[in-house]
Amino acid sequence: MSEEAIRRAIKEGGGSLYVWEIASSMGYGEEVARALWSMRESGEIDVRGEGRGFAAYMLSPASWWAWLALLGVALGVVAALLVPHSPVQLEFIKVAMGAPSLFYIPGLALVRALYPEWKWKGFDEAALAIAMSLSLLPIIGITLVTIGVDLTVNTTLISVDGLSVALILVAAARRASYEEALRRS
């Protein structure tokens, strides 16, 4: 197979293709793979590995929302643990650091976990995230009371943050598998 035929296949495929998918779909084997790798090494084409997976998604720019949400959760934990008995002057900082991890991030992660394929547009996602966060808070509170944990600001915030981290990871994993399915179709 000539390099011109490979370039044509890549142009039809959108610019980046998997090495082994090209080789198997065209009935070629090692010869095509070697040609593609040599073109990749020279910088002529962008050839990606076959499986991207969760780790690759989390390292890609597409996961900015997950990293930002994890940062918000970390700020919530800092607000709960490191500023527990702050003077009145610092209460505003504690509220500002903890409010997003209570009223926005859990709902954002839940909505993105439920609908990984949805392309969100600003206000829609924010409204759903706030509504879902507000609906999760009583569920978490009832669960804490049922298992015998005292409802304090710190236990509530840490419980919500723990749930948020779990939901963020689920949402990112679902989005990574959705993008992988799109890439293969």
Protein backbone atom coordinates (compact mmCIF):
# COMPACT_ATOMS: atom_id res chain seq x y z
CA MET A 1 0.00 0.00 0.00
CA SER A 2 1.43 3.38 -0.94
CA GLU A 3 1.82 6.38 1.32
CA GLU A 4 -0.58 8.28 -0.93
CA ALA A 5 -3.32 5.69 -0.25
CA ILE A 6 -2.64 5.98 3.48
CA ARG A 7 -2.87 9.80 3.30
CA ARG A 8 -6.19 9.49 1.44
CA ALA A 9 -7.56 7.10 4.10
CA ILE A 10 -6.48 9.47 6.86
CA LYS A 11 -8.09 12.46 5.13
CA GLU A 12 -11.35 10.51 4.80
CA GLY A 13 -11.10 9.45 8.46
CA GLY A 14 -10.80 13.00 9.78
CA GLY A 15 -7.07 13.33 10.35
CA SER A 16 -6.21 10.75 12.98
CA LEU A 17 -6.83 7.02 12.86
CA TYR A 18 -5.89 3.92 14.83
CA VAL A 19 -3.01 1.92 13.39
CA TRP A 20 -4.52 -1.51 13.78
CA GLU A 21 -8.00 -0.42 12.64
CA ILE A 22 -6.49 0.85 9.39
CA ALA A 23 -4.51 -2.33 8.88
CA SER A 24 -7.39 -4.71 9.59
CA SER A 25 -10.12 -2.77 7.80
CA MET A 26 -8.08 -2.57 4.60
CA GLY A 27 -6.92 -6.16 4.74
CA TYR A 28 -3.30 -5.24 5.39
CA GLY A 29 -1.20 -6.15 8.36
CA GLU A 30 2.27 -5.29 9.49
CA GLU A 31 3.20 -3.44 6.29
CA VAL A 32 0.56 -0.75 6.83
CA ALA A 33 1.35 -0.45 10.52
CA ARG A 34 5.03 0.14 9.78
CA ALA A 35 4.20 2.77 7.14
CA LEU A 36 1.87 4.57 9.53
CA TRP A 37 4.41 4.54 12.34
CA SER A 38 7.11 5.95 10.07
CA MET A 39 4.72 8.71 8.97
CA ARG A 40 3.88 9.37 12.61
CA GLU A 41 7.54 9.58 13.58
CA SER A 42 8.19 12.10 10.83
CA GLY A 43 5.26 14.19 12.09
CA GLU A 44 3.14 13.86 8.94
CA ILE A 45 0.14 12.34 10.73
CA ASP A 46 -1.33 12.00 14.20
CA VAL A 47 -1.83 8.33 15.08
CA ARG A 48 -3.38 7.53 18.42
CA GLY A 49 -3.27 4.29 20.37
CA GLU A 50 -6.25 1.99 20.17
CA GLY A 51 -7.65 2.33 23.68
CA ARG A 52 -7.74 5.71 25.36
CA GLY A 53 -9.67 4.82 28.48
CA PHE A 54 -10.33 6.65 31.72
CA ALA A 55 -6.75 7.67 32.51
CA ALA A 56 -6.21 9.19 29.08
CA TYR A 57 -9.52 11.04 29.34
CA MET A 58 -8.58 12.48 32.74
CA LEU A 59 -5.29 13.73 31.28
CA SER A 60 -6.97 15.28 28.25
CA PRO A 61 -8.30 18.86 28.03
CA ALA A 62 -11.85 17.48 27.77
CA SER A 63 -11.80 16.64 31.47
CA TRP A 64 -11.33 20.26 32.62
CA TRP A 65 -14.73 20.19 34.31
CA ALA A 66 -13.78 17.15 36.43
CA TRP A 67 -10.54 18.76 37.62
CA LEU A 68 -12.33 22.00 38.41
CA ALA A 69 -15.01 20.10 40.33
CA LEU A 70 -12.35 18.16 42.26
CA LEU A 71 -10.68 21.47 43.12
CA GLY A 72 -14.02 22.75 44.42
CA VAL A 73 -14.40 19.62 46.53
CA ALA A 74 -10.88 20.10 47.91
CA LEU A 75 -11.73 23.68 48.83
CA GLY A 76 -14.86 22.41 50.59
CA VAL A 77 -12.81 19.94 52.62
CA VAL A 78 -10.33 22.69 53.50
CA ALA A 79 -13.23 24.88 54.59
CA ALA A 80 -14.63 22.11 56.79
CA LEU A 81 -11.41 20.85 58.34
CA LEU A 82 -8.87 23.64 58.39
CA VAL A 83 -11.13 26.52 59.26
CA PRO A 84 -13.45 24.84 61.81
CA HIS A 85 -13.44 27.49 64.53
CA SER A 86 -12.71 30.60 62.59
CA PRO A 87 -13.42 34.09 63.84
CA VAL A 88 -16.43 35.90 62.43
CA GLN A 89 -14.22 37.74 59.93
CA LEU A 90 -13.26 34.43 58.27
CA GLU A 91 -16.77 32.94 58.16
CA PHE A 92 -17.36 34.52 54.75
CA ILE A 93 -14.29 32.71 53.39
CA LYS A 94 -15.51 29.43 54.87
CA VAL A 95 -18.95 29.88 53.28
CA ALA A 96 -17.46 30.93 49.93
CA MET A 97 -15.21 27.85 49.91
CA GLY A 98 -17.89 25.41 51.06
CA ALA A 99 -21.00 26.59 49.20
CA PRO A 100 -20.05 25.31 45.72
CA SER A 101 -19.23 21.88 47.11
CA LEU A 102 -22.67 21.74 48.75
CA PHE A 103 -24.95 23.45 46.26
CA TYR A 104 -23.39 22.93 42.82
CA ILE A 105 -20.71 20.25 42.46
CA PRO A 106 -22.72 17.16 43.57
CA GLY A 107 -25.51 18.00 41.14
CA LEU A 108 -23.06 18.76 38.34
CA ALA A 109 -21.39 15.38 38.80
CA LEU A 110 -24.74 13.57 39.01
CA VAL A 111 -26.11 15.24 35.88
CA ARG A 112 -22.93 14.51 33.94
CA ALA A 113 -22.94 10.90 35.18
CA LEU A 114 -26.55 10.42 34.10
CA TYR A 115 -26.14 12.11 30.71
CA PRO A 116 -22.55 11.69 29.44
CA GLU A 117 -23.59 12.34 25.83
CA TRP A 118 -25.31 15.66 26.43
CA LYS A 119 -23.61 18.82 25.15
CA TRP A 120 -24.40 21.31 27.88
CA LYS A 121 -24.99 24.99 27.35
CA GLY A 122 -24.31 27.28 30.33
CA PHE A 123 -27.55 28.01 32.14
CA ASP A 124 -29.17 24.61 31.50
CA GLU A 125 -26.38 22.72 33.19
CA ALA A 126 -26.11 25.19 36.07
CA ALA A 127 -29.85 25.07 36.77
CA LEU A 128 -29.91 21.27 36.70
CA ALA A 129 -26.77 21.04 38.84
CA ILE A 130 -28.19 23.31 41.53
CA ALA A 131 -31.54 21.50 41.52
CA MET A 132 -29.90 18.08 41.75
CA SER A 133 -27.57 19.24 44.53
CA LEU A 134 -30.52 20.54 46.51
CA SER A 135 -32.32 17.23 46.03
CA LEU A 136 -29.27 15.23 47.15
CA LEU A 137 -28.79 17.14 50.43
CA PRO A 138 -31.90 15.72 52.21
CA ILE A 139 -31.03 12.21 51.03
CA ILE A 140 -27.53 12.55 52.46
CA GLY A 141 -28.91 14.05 55.69
CA ILE A 142 -31.43 11.23 56.16
CA THR A 143 -28.71 8.66 55.45
CA LEU A 144 -26.40 10.23 58.04
CA VAL A 145 -29.14 10.32 60.69
CA THR A 146 -30.14 6.72 59.91
CA ILE A 147 -26.61 5.41 60.44
CA GLY A 148 -26.28 7.43 63.65
CA VAL A 149 -23.96 10.25 62.62
CA ASP A 150 -24.58 13.67 64.15
CA LEU A 151 -25.54 16.30 61.61
CA THR A 152 -22.91 19.00 61.85
CA VAL A 153 -21.54 21.30 59.21
CA ASN A 154 -18.36 19.25 58.98
CA THR A 155 -19.99 15.81 58.74
CA THR A 156 -22.45 17.05 56.16
CA LEU A 157 -19.80 18.78 54.08
CA ILE A 158 -17.43 15.82 54.20
CA SER A 159 -20.25 13.38 53.30
CA VAL A 160 -21.36 15.53 50.39
CA ASP A 161 -17.76 15.95 49.23
CA GLY A 162 -17.17 12.18 49.39
CA LEU A 163 -20.29 11.58 47.30
CA SER A 164 -19.18 14.33 44.93
CA VAL A 165 -15.79 12.72 44.34
CA ALA A 166 -17.45 9.36 43.64
CA LEU A 167 -19.93 10.96 41.23
CA ILE A 168 -17.19 12.95 39.47
CA LEU A 169 -15.20 9.76 38.88
CA VAL A 170 -18.30 7.92 37.64
CA ALA A 171 -19.20 10.83 35.34
CA ALA A 172 -15.66 11.03 33.95
CA ALA A 173 -15.55 7.26 33.39
CA ARG A 174 -18.91 7.34 31.60
CA ARG A 175 -17.81 10.28 29.44
CA ALA A 176 -14.54 8.52 28.59
CA SER A 177 -16.39 5.37 27.51
CA TYR A 178 -18.90 7.46 25.55
CA GLU A 179 -16.11 9.28 23.69
CA GLU A 180 -14.41 5.95 23.01
CA ALA A 181 -17.65 4.56 21.56
CA LEU A 182 -17.99 7.67 19.38
CA ARG A 183 -14.44 7.30 18.18
CA ARG A 184 -15.00 3.67 17.20
CA SER A 185 -18.28 4.24 15.37
